N, C-alpha and C. Protein backbone atom coordinates (compact mmCIF):
# COMPACT_ATOMS: atom_id res chain seq x y z
N MET A 1 112.20 131.20 109.98
CA MET A 1 112.51 130.08 110.81
C MET A 1 113.21 130.56 112.07
N ASP A 2 112.85 129.99 113.15
CA ASP A 2 113.39 130.31 114.45
C ASP A 2 114.96 130.07 114.51
N ASN A 3 115.69 131.04 115.07
CA ASN A 3 117.12 130.95 115.14
C ASN A 3 117.61 129.71 115.91
N GLU A 4 116.85 129.35 117.01
CA GLU A 4 117.22 128.27 117.82
C GLU A 4 117.22 126.94 116.95
N ILE A 5 116.18 126.81 116.18
CA ILE A 5 116.00 125.62 115.28
C ILE A 5 117.14 125.63 114.24
N ARG A 6 117.46 126.79 113.69
CA ARG A 6 118.55 126.97 112.77
C ARG A 6 119.86 126.50 113.40
N ASN A 7 120.14 126.96 114.56
CA ASN A 7 121.35 126.56 115.26
C ASN A 7 121.43 125.07 115.52
N ILE A 8 120.35 124.47 115.96
CA ILE A 8 120.27 123.01 116.17
C ILE A 8 120.54 122.27 114.92
N LEU A 9 119.92 122.69 113.81
CA LEU A 9 120.11 121.96 112.55
C LEU A 9 121.55 122.17 112.03
N ASN A 10 122.16 123.32 112.26
CA ASN A 10 123.53 123.51 111.85
C ASN A 10 124.50 122.61 112.53
N GLY A 11 124.09 122.17 113.71
CA GLY A 11 125.03 121.27 114.53
C GLY A 11 124.78 119.83 114.32
N VAL A 12 123.85 119.44 113.48
CA VAL A 12 123.50 118.07 113.26
C VAL A 12 124.01 117.62 111.92
N LYS A 13 124.50 116.41 111.77
CA LYS A 13 124.95 115.91 110.51
C LYS A 13 123.76 115.84 109.52
N GLY A 14 123.94 116.46 108.38
CA GLY A 14 122.84 116.56 107.41
C GLY A 14 121.91 117.70 107.64
N GLY A 15 122.15 118.49 108.69
CA GLY A 15 121.24 119.62 109.05
C GLY A 15 121.17 120.68 107.97
N ASN A 16 122.29 120.91 107.31
CA ASN A 16 122.30 121.88 106.24
C ASN A 16 121.29 121.58 105.09
N LYS A 17 121.22 120.26 104.82
CA LYS A 17 120.29 119.87 103.80
C LYS A 17 118.82 120.10 104.24
N ILE A 18 118.57 119.79 105.53
CA ILE A 18 117.28 120.02 106.08
C ILE A 18 116.95 121.50 106.11
N LEU A 19 117.91 122.30 106.44
CA LEU A 19 117.72 123.79 106.38
C LEU A 19 117.37 124.24 104.96
N GLU A 20 118.10 123.82 104.03
CA GLU A 20 117.83 124.20 102.58
C GLU A 20 116.43 123.76 102.20
N TYR A 21 116.07 122.55 102.61
CA TYR A 21 114.73 122.09 102.24
C TYR A 21 113.66 122.95 102.93
N ILE A 22 113.81 123.25 104.19
CA ILE A 22 112.81 124.06 104.93
C ILE A 22 112.73 125.45 104.29
N GLU A 23 113.91 125.97 103.92
CA GLU A 23 113.88 127.32 103.28
C GLU A 23 113.16 127.31 101.93
N GLU A 24 113.39 126.24 101.17
CA GLU A 24 112.69 126.08 99.91
C GLU A 24 111.17 125.99 100.10
N LEU A 25 110.75 125.20 101.16
CA LEU A 25 109.37 125.06 101.47
C LEU A 25 108.75 126.39 101.85
N GLU A 26 109.52 127.16 102.68
CA GLU A 26 109.03 128.45 103.13
C GLU A 26 108.83 129.40 101.97
N GLN A 27 109.66 129.29 100.96
CA GLN A 27 109.54 130.12 99.75
C GLN A 27 108.30 129.77 98.95
N HIS A 28 108.06 128.45 98.87
CA HIS A 28 106.88 127.97 98.13
C HIS A 28 105.63 128.33 98.89
N ILE A 29 105.63 128.25 100.22
CA ILE A 29 104.47 128.60 101.02
C ILE A 29 104.13 130.09 100.81
N LEU A 30 105.13 130.95 100.71
CA LEU A 30 104.89 132.37 100.50
C LEU A 30 104.24 132.57 99.16
N HIS A 31 104.55 131.74 98.14
CA HIS A 31 104.01 131.99 96.81
C HIS A 31 102.82 131.06 96.50
N HIS A 32 102.73 129.93 97.16
CA HIS A 32 101.64 128.96 96.79
C HIS A 32 101.02 128.60 98.13
N HIS A 33 99.71 128.51 98.06
CA HIS A 33 98.97 128.06 99.26
C HIS A 33 97.61 127.50 98.77
N ASN A 34 96.91 126.89 99.62
CA ASN A 34 95.63 126.32 99.32
C ASN A 34 94.64 127.49 99.06
N HIS A 35 93.79 127.28 98.10
CA HIS A 35 92.87 128.34 97.70
C HIS A 35 91.45 127.85 97.90
N ASP A 36 90.65 128.82 98.14
CA ASP A 36 89.17 128.53 98.14
C ASP A 36 88.62 129.32 96.93
N ASP A 37 87.33 129.20 96.71
CA ASP A 37 86.68 129.76 95.45
C ASP A 37 86.78 131.28 95.47
N ASP A 38 86.98 131.92 96.65
CA ASP A 38 87.10 133.38 96.69
C ASP A 38 88.44 133.93 96.66
N CYS A 39 89.48 133.11 96.61
CA CYS A 39 90.89 133.52 96.60
C CYS A 39 91.20 134.30 95.30
N ASP A 40 91.76 135.50 95.53
CA ASP A 40 92.21 136.25 94.37
C ASP A 40 93.64 136.64 94.47
N CYS A 41 94.47 135.71 95.04
CA CYS A 41 95.91 135.99 95.29
C CYS A 41 96.69 136.13 94.01
N GLY A 42 96.22 135.46 92.93
CA GLY A 42 96.89 135.56 91.68
C GLY A 42 98.15 134.72 91.51
N CYS A 43 98.44 133.88 92.50
CA CYS A 43 99.75 133.11 92.42
C CYS A 43 99.74 132.06 91.35
N HIS A 44 98.57 131.73 90.75
CA HIS A 44 98.54 130.81 89.69
C HIS A 44 98.13 131.42 88.36
N ASP A 45 98.06 132.79 88.38
CA ASP A 45 97.71 133.44 87.11
C ASP A 45 98.97 133.44 86.19
N HIS A 46 98.74 132.87 85.00
CA HIS A 46 99.82 132.79 84.09
C HIS A 46 99.76 133.88 83.04
N ASP A 47 98.70 133.90 82.30
CA ASP A 47 98.40 134.87 81.26
C ASP A 47 97.04 135.40 81.51
N GLU A 48 96.74 136.59 81.06
CA GLU A 48 95.40 137.10 81.17
C GLU A 48 94.39 136.24 80.54
N GLU A 49 94.81 135.45 79.38
CA GLU A 49 93.92 134.69 78.65
C GLU A 49 93.56 133.39 79.34
N GLU A 50 94.45 132.88 80.25
CA GLU A 50 94.26 131.58 80.84
C GLU A 50 93.12 131.69 81.90
N GLU A 51 92.25 130.78 81.80
CA GLU A 51 91.16 130.69 82.82
C GLU A 51 91.03 129.30 83.27
N TRP A 52 91.27 128.95 84.50
CA TRP A 52 91.26 127.60 84.99
C TRP A 52 89.90 127.28 85.69
N GLN A 53 89.39 126.15 85.41
CA GLN A 53 88.17 125.70 85.95
C GLN A 53 88.35 124.30 86.62
N GLU A 54 87.87 124.10 87.81
CA GLU A 54 88.00 122.77 88.39
C GLU A 54 87.24 121.72 87.59
N VAL A 55 87.83 120.55 87.37
CA VAL A 55 87.13 119.51 86.67
C VAL A 55 86.39 118.70 87.68
N LYS A 56 85.06 118.65 87.48
CA LYS A 56 84.17 117.93 88.40
C LYS A 56 84.27 116.44 87.98
N THR A 57 84.10 115.56 89.01
CA THR A 57 84.12 114.18 88.80
C THR A 57 83.04 113.49 89.60
N ASP A 58 82.64 112.27 89.24
CA ASP A 58 81.67 111.49 89.93
C ASP A 58 82.22 110.71 91.14
N TYR A 59 83.57 110.78 91.27
CA TYR A 59 84.25 110.06 92.36
C TYR A 59 84.04 110.84 93.63
N LYS A 60 83.63 110.20 94.71
CA LYS A 60 83.51 110.78 96.04
C LYS A 60 84.54 110.13 96.91
N ASN A 61 85.52 110.96 97.30
CA ASN A 61 86.62 110.46 98.15
C ASN A 61 86.12 109.99 99.54
N THR A 62 86.44 108.78 99.85
CA THR A 62 86.10 108.23 101.18
C THR A 62 87.40 107.91 101.95
N LEU A 63 88.57 108.14 101.39
CA LEU A 63 89.82 107.87 102.12
C LEU A 63 90.20 109.00 103.04
N THR A 64 90.45 108.64 104.28
CA THR A 64 90.87 109.61 105.29
C THR A 64 92.44 109.74 105.25
N VAL A 65 92.94 110.70 106.01
CA VAL A 65 94.36 110.84 106.16
C VAL A 65 94.95 109.55 106.72
N LYS A 66 94.30 108.98 107.70
CA LYS A 66 94.82 107.69 108.32
C LYS A 66 94.86 106.57 107.29
N ASP A 67 93.75 106.52 106.47
CA ASP A 67 93.76 105.51 105.38
C ASP A 67 94.90 105.65 104.46
N TRP A 68 95.15 106.93 104.03
CA TRP A 68 96.30 107.21 103.14
C TRP A 68 97.62 106.80 103.79
N GLU A 69 97.79 107.13 105.08
CA GLU A 69 99.00 106.84 105.82
C GLU A 69 99.24 105.35 105.83
N LYS A 70 98.22 104.56 106.01
CA LYS A 70 98.34 103.09 105.97
C LYS A 70 98.69 102.63 104.54
N LEU A 71 98.08 103.10 103.56
CA LEU A 71 98.28 102.78 102.15
C LEU A 71 99.70 103.13 101.75
N LEU A 72 100.16 104.30 102.18
CA LEU A 72 101.55 104.85 101.80
C LEU A 72 102.68 103.87 102.30
N LYS A 73 102.36 103.14 103.38
CA LYS A 73 103.37 102.26 103.93
C LYS A 73 103.42 100.89 103.23
N ASP A 74 102.49 100.67 102.30
CA ASP A 74 102.43 99.39 101.56
C ASP A 74 103.33 99.46 100.30
N PRO A 75 104.44 98.83 100.24
CA PRO A 75 105.31 98.89 99.11
C PRO A 75 104.80 98.29 97.83
N LYS A 76 103.70 97.44 98.01
CA LYS A 76 103.16 96.86 96.77
C LYS A 76 102.30 97.86 96.03
N ILE A 77 101.78 98.90 96.82
CA ILE A 77 101.01 99.94 96.15
C ILE A 77 101.94 101.16 95.87
N PHE A 78 102.56 101.57 96.88
CA PHE A 78 103.41 102.81 96.72
C PHE A 78 104.94 102.38 96.53
N THR A 79 105.37 102.25 95.30
CA THR A 79 106.73 101.89 95.06
C THR A 79 107.58 103.12 95.37
N LYS A 80 108.93 102.96 95.34
CA LYS A 80 109.83 104.03 95.51
C LYS A 80 109.57 105.12 94.52
N ASP A 81 109.47 104.67 93.25
CA ASP A 81 109.25 105.70 92.22
C ASP A 81 107.91 106.50 92.36
N SER A 82 106.88 105.83 92.78
CA SER A 82 105.59 106.56 92.97
C SER A 82 105.71 107.50 94.17
N LEU A 83 106.53 107.16 95.21
CA LEU A 83 106.73 108.02 96.35
C LEU A 83 107.54 109.22 95.92
N ILE A 84 108.60 109.00 95.00
CA ILE A 84 109.39 110.10 94.55
C ILE A 84 108.51 111.09 93.84
N VAL A 85 107.55 110.70 93.02
CA VAL A 85 106.68 111.55 92.29
C VAL A 85 105.75 112.33 93.28
N LEU A 86 105.21 111.59 94.18
CA LEU A 86 104.27 112.30 95.15
C LEU A 86 105.01 113.31 96.04
N LYS A 87 106.28 112.90 96.48
CA LYS A 87 107.05 113.86 97.32
C LYS A 87 107.34 115.11 96.51
N ARG A 88 107.64 114.95 95.28
CA ARG A 88 107.90 116.15 94.44
C ARG A 88 106.63 117.05 94.24
N MET A 89 105.55 116.35 94.04
CA MET A 89 104.28 117.10 93.88
C MET A 89 103.93 117.84 95.16
N ARG A 90 104.14 117.15 96.31
CA ARG A 90 103.87 117.78 97.62
C ARG A 90 104.82 118.94 97.84
N HIS A 91 105.99 118.77 97.41
CA HIS A 91 107.02 119.81 97.64
C HIS A 91 106.69 121.07 96.97
N ILE A 92 106.11 121.02 95.73
CA ILE A 92 105.83 122.33 95.06
C ILE A 92 104.48 122.88 95.56
N ALA A 93 103.68 122.05 96.17
CA ALA A 93 102.44 122.55 96.84
C ALA A 93 101.53 123.32 95.93
N ALA A 94 101.49 123.00 94.64
CA ALA A 94 100.60 123.69 93.66
C ALA A 94 100.27 122.71 92.62
N PRO A 95 99.14 122.87 91.94
CA PRO A 95 98.79 122.02 90.85
C PRO A 95 99.87 122.17 89.74
N THR A 96 100.13 121.10 89.00
CA THR A 96 101.20 121.06 88.06
C THR A 96 100.99 120.01 86.95
N THR A 97 101.86 119.94 86.00
CA THR A 97 101.79 118.93 84.94
C THR A 97 103.08 118.04 85.04
N SER A 98 103.01 116.96 84.38
CA SER A 98 104.21 116.05 84.32
C SER A 98 105.38 116.81 83.65
N ALA A 99 105.16 117.61 82.66
CA ALA A 99 106.18 118.35 82.03
C ALA A 99 106.86 119.36 83.00
N GLU A 100 106.01 120.02 83.79
CA GLU A 100 106.59 120.90 84.78
C GLU A 100 107.43 120.22 85.87
N LEU A 101 106.95 119.08 86.25
CA LEU A 101 107.71 118.24 87.20
C LEU A 101 109.06 117.82 86.62
N ALA A 102 109.13 117.44 85.35
CA ALA A 102 110.35 117.10 84.66
C ALA A 102 111.26 118.30 84.63
N ASP A 103 110.73 119.45 84.29
CA ASP A 103 111.57 120.64 84.24
C ASP A 103 112.18 120.97 85.54
N MET A 104 111.39 120.83 86.69
CA MET A 104 111.84 121.16 87.97
C MET A 104 112.84 120.18 88.64
N PHE A 105 112.50 118.83 88.40
CA PHE A 105 113.19 117.79 89.20
C PHE A 105 113.96 116.81 88.32
N GLY A 106 113.94 116.91 87.02
CA GLY A 106 114.64 115.95 86.24
C GLY A 106 113.73 114.78 85.78
N PHE A 107 114.36 113.75 85.22
CA PHE A 107 113.68 112.64 84.57
C PHE A 107 112.87 113.23 83.37
N GLY A 108 111.98 112.57 82.83
CA GLY A 108 111.18 113.12 81.73
C GLY A 108 109.76 113.13 82.14
N ALA A 109 108.93 113.87 81.34
CA ALA A 109 107.48 113.93 81.62
C ALA A 109 106.84 112.57 81.61
N MET A 110 107.30 111.72 80.73
CA MET A 110 106.74 110.36 80.64
C MET A 110 106.92 109.59 81.95
N TYR A 111 108.06 109.78 82.62
CA TYR A 111 108.32 109.11 83.87
C TYR A 111 107.20 109.43 84.80
N TYR A 112 106.84 110.69 85.04
CA TYR A 112 105.79 111.09 85.89
C TYR A 112 104.43 110.53 85.49
N SER A 113 104.13 110.65 84.21
CA SER A 113 102.83 110.21 83.76
C SER A 113 102.65 108.71 83.93
N ILE A 114 103.68 107.95 83.57
CA ILE A 114 103.58 106.48 83.67
C ILE A 114 103.54 106.09 85.13
N GLU A 115 104.35 106.69 85.98
CA GLU A 115 104.31 106.31 87.42
C GLU A 115 102.94 106.54 88.02
N LEU A 116 102.37 107.67 87.67
CA LEU A 116 101.04 108.04 88.28
C LEU A 116 100.00 107.10 87.72
N GLU A 117 100.00 106.79 86.44
CA GLU A 117 98.98 105.92 85.90
C GLU A 117 99.08 104.50 86.50
N GLU A 118 100.37 103.97 86.73
CA GLU A 118 100.52 102.72 87.37
C GLU A 118 100.07 102.71 88.85
N LEU A 119 100.35 103.86 89.50
CA LEU A 119 99.88 103.97 90.90
C LEU A 119 98.37 104.01 90.97
N GLU A 120 97.69 104.67 90.05
CA GLU A 120 96.22 104.68 89.97
C GLU A 120 95.71 103.22 89.91
N GLU A 121 96.31 102.50 89.05
CA GLU A 121 95.87 101.09 88.84
C GLU A 121 96.10 100.26 90.07
N ARG A 122 97.27 100.44 90.71
CA ARG A 122 97.51 99.68 91.98
C ARG A 122 96.48 100.04 93.08
N LEU A 123 96.20 101.35 93.11
CA LEU A 123 95.24 101.83 94.14
C LEU A 123 93.86 101.31 93.85
N LEU A 124 93.43 101.36 92.61
CA LEU A 124 92.09 100.93 92.22
C LEU A 124 91.85 99.36 92.46
N ALA A 125 93.00 98.65 92.41
CA ALA A 125 92.90 97.18 92.68
C ALA A 125 92.69 96.97 94.19
N VAL A 126 93.09 97.86 95.04
CA VAL A 126 93.05 97.63 96.50
C VAL A 126 91.86 98.42 97.18
N VAL A 127 91.67 99.66 96.71
CA VAL A 127 90.63 100.51 97.30
C VAL A 127 89.36 100.23 96.59
N LYS A 128 88.33 99.85 97.29
CA LYS A 128 87.00 99.58 96.67
C LYS A 128 86.26 100.87 96.45
N ILE A 129 86.14 101.25 95.24
CA ILE A 129 85.36 102.46 94.85
C ILE A 129 84.44 102.09 93.73
N LYS A 130 83.47 102.90 93.50
CA LYS A 130 82.53 102.66 92.39
C LYS A 130 83.36 102.99 91.13
N ASP A 131 82.87 102.40 90.05
CA ASP A 131 83.57 102.65 88.77
C ASP A 131 83.49 104.13 88.47
N THR A 132 84.63 104.62 88.07
CA THR A 132 84.68 106.04 87.73
C THR A 132 85.59 106.19 86.45
N LYS A 133 85.22 106.97 85.52
CA LYS A 133 86.02 107.07 84.33
C LYS A 133 87.25 107.95 84.59
N GLU A 134 87.20 108.72 85.62
CA GLU A 134 88.24 109.63 86.04
C GLU A 134 89.13 108.96 87.07
N LYS A 135 89.98 107.96 86.69
CA LYS A 135 90.76 107.25 87.62
C LYS A 135 91.72 108.13 88.41
N TRP A 136 92.11 109.24 87.89
CA TRP A 136 93.02 110.16 88.49
C TRP A 136 92.40 110.72 89.77
N ALA A 137 91.08 110.79 89.89
CA ALA A 137 90.41 111.43 90.96
C ALA A 137 90.65 110.85 92.32
N ILE A 138 91.12 109.61 92.36
CA ILE A 138 91.45 108.96 93.61
C ILE A 138 92.65 109.64 94.31
N ILE A 139 93.50 110.24 93.42
CA ILE A 139 94.76 110.83 93.94
C ILE A 139 94.77 112.34 93.85
N PHE A 140 94.05 112.90 92.84
CA PHE A 140 94.24 114.27 92.48
C PHE A 140 92.89 115.05 92.41
N ASN A 141 93.07 116.37 92.47
CA ASN A 141 92.09 117.36 92.00
C ASN A 141 92.62 117.82 90.73
N CYS A 142 91.75 118.21 89.81
CA CYS A 142 92.24 118.61 88.49
C CYS A 142 91.55 119.96 88.06
N TRP A 143 92.29 120.72 87.32
CA TRP A 143 91.78 121.94 86.73
C TRP A 143 92.11 121.99 85.30
N LYS A 144 91.19 122.49 84.52
CA LYS A 144 91.36 122.60 83.03
C LYS A 144 91.32 124.05 82.60
N ASN A 145 92.21 124.35 81.70
CA ASN A 145 92.25 125.69 81.10
C ASN A 145 91.08 125.80 80.10
N LYS A 146 90.24 126.75 80.27
CA LYS A 146 89.05 126.86 79.43
C LYS A 146 89.42 127.18 77.96
N ASN A 147 90.58 127.80 77.77
CA ASN A 147 90.95 128.23 76.49
C ASN A 147 91.80 127.14 75.71
N THR A 148 92.62 126.45 76.41
CA THR A 148 93.58 125.52 75.72
C THR A 148 93.25 124.04 76.03
N ASP A 149 92.40 123.74 76.96
CA ASP A 149 92.11 122.33 77.41
C ASP A 149 93.29 121.71 78.13
N GLU A 150 94.32 122.44 78.44
CA GLU A 150 95.46 121.96 79.25
C GLU A 150 94.92 121.61 80.63
N ARG A 151 95.45 120.60 81.27
CA ARG A 151 95.02 120.14 82.56
C ARG A 151 96.23 120.22 83.53
N ILE A 152 95.94 120.64 84.76
CA ILE A 152 96.95 120.53 85.81
C ILE A 152 96.33 119.83 86.96
N TYR A 153 97.19 119.19 87.73
CA TYR A 153 96.75 118.31 88.84
C TYR A 153 97.45 118.68 90.17
N GLY A 154 96.67 118.54 91.16
CA GLY A 154 97.21 118.75 92.49
C GLY A 154 96.72 117.61 93.41
N LEU A 155 97.56 117.26 94.39
CA LEU A 155 97.23 116.16 95.33
C LEU A 155 95.96 116.39 96.07
N CYS A 156 95.11 115.38 96.22
CA CYS A 156 93.93 115.59 97.14
C CYS A 156 94.44 115.95 98.51
N SER A 157 93.67 116.69 99.27
CA SER A 157 94.09 117.26 100.50
C SER A 157 94.50 116.16 101.52
N GLU A 158 93.74 114.99 101.52
CA GLU A 158 93.99 113.92 102.50
C GLU A 158 95.35 113.30 102.22
N LEU A 159 95.57 113.05 100.94
CA LEU A 159 96.87 112.49 100.50
C LEU A 159 98.01 113.41 100.79
N TYR A 160 97.81 114.70 100.51
CA TYR A 160 98.86 115.72 100.75
C TYR A 160 99.23 115.75 102.26
N GLU A 161 98.20 115.74 103.11
CA GLU A 161 98.48 115.66 104.56
C GLU A 161 99.15 114.39 104.99
N ALA A 162 98.63 113.28 104.52
CA ALA A 162 99.25 111.95 104.91
C ALA A 162 100.74 111.93 104.48
N LEU A 163 101.06 112.44 103.34
CA LEU A 163 102.49 112.49 102.89
C LEU A 163 103.33 113.23 103.88
N GLY A 164 102.78 114.26 104.43
CA GLY A 164 103.45 115.14 105.47
C GLY A 164 103.58 114.46 106.77
N ASN A 165 102.80 113.42 107.05
CA ASN A 165 102.83 112.73 108.30
C ASN A 165 103.73 111.56 108.37
N ILE A 166 104.21 111.05 107.15
CA ILE A 166 105.12 109.91 107.15
C ILE A 166 106.53 110.36 106.80
N ASP A 167 107.46 109.45 107.17
CA ASP A 167 108.88 109.70 106.95
C ASP A 167 109.20 109.45 105.50
N LEU A 168 109.53 110.44 104.77
CA LEU A 168 109.98 110.29 103.38
C LEU A 168 111.44 110.67 103.22
N SER A 169 112.23 110.71 104.32
CA SER A 169 113.56 111.16 104.27
C SER A 169 114.44 110.30 103.37
N ASN A 170 114.06 108.98 103.14
CA ASN A 170 114.87 108.16 102.34
C ASN A 170 114.41 108.19 100.83
N ILE A 171 113.45 109.07 100.53
CA ILE A 171 112.94 109.27 99.23
C ILE A 171 113.58 110.60 98.69
N PRO A 172 114.37 110.46 97.59
CA PRO A 172 115.05 111.66 97.10
C PRO A 172 114.07 112.75 96.49
N LEU A 173 114.42 113.96 96.70
CA LEU A 173 113.60 115.03 96.13
C LEU A 173 114.19 115.39 94.73
N ARG A 174 115.50 115.48 94.68
CA ARG A 174 116.21 115.84 93.39
C ARG A 174 116.78 114.66 92.74
N GLU A 175 116.94 114.64 91.38
CA GLU A 175 117.42 113.59 90.62
C GLU A 175 118.83 113.20 91.02
N ASN A 176 119.72 114.17 91.39
CA ASN A 176 121.00 113.81 91.76
C ASN A 176 121.19 113.23 93.16
N GLU A 177 120.09 113.08 93.91
CA GLU A 177 120.14 112.48 95.24
C GLU A 177 119.88 111.00 95.20
N ILE A 178 119.60 110.44 93.96
CA ILE A 178 119.30 109.04 93.81
C ILE A 178 120.52 108.20 93.82
C-alpha cells in the first residue's frame, strides 16, 4: 500500500480499522485470486487426493453488475444478515463452505446456510428466471470434490463486483463488530 494513503488513513478517525482491513485483503489477494482453467497456482490445493470439478448448471446468468447493485440496495431482498454473509464471502475471495465461514467469522454453519437459502428464495421471487433445480446458481459458482462429494461455493463474478461497488461499511465483517 502506498505510504501517502497509509498516512492519510492514520490521520482519520477509524482509519486504523480501514488499514487493517486493506492489509487483510492484500494478504488474501496474494494467496487467493480468480482462476481460469489453466491456472496451476495451487492456492486451493488441500490434499493430493482432493480433485475439484466445477458443477455445471442449466442456469444462465443474465444479471449484470448494475442489476446486482440495484438488487443489493433493496432491503426486502438483501437483509442485513444476508449482506453480512456476502460481505464475508467476498472478503475471503475464494470458494468456501458454511462451516469454513463459521470458523473464520463466528456464528454457526447453519446461520450461513439458512441465510443463503432464504436469500435464494427472495431473489427467485423477484428475478425472473427459468426453473432450475440449482437455486444456488443465481448467486454462486460451485465446485465438487470428485472423491468426497464435498461442495464449495464462490460468489458469481457479477455479484462479487457489485458488492465491491456499494457501501458496506455499516455491515460488520467480524462477529464482535455487531
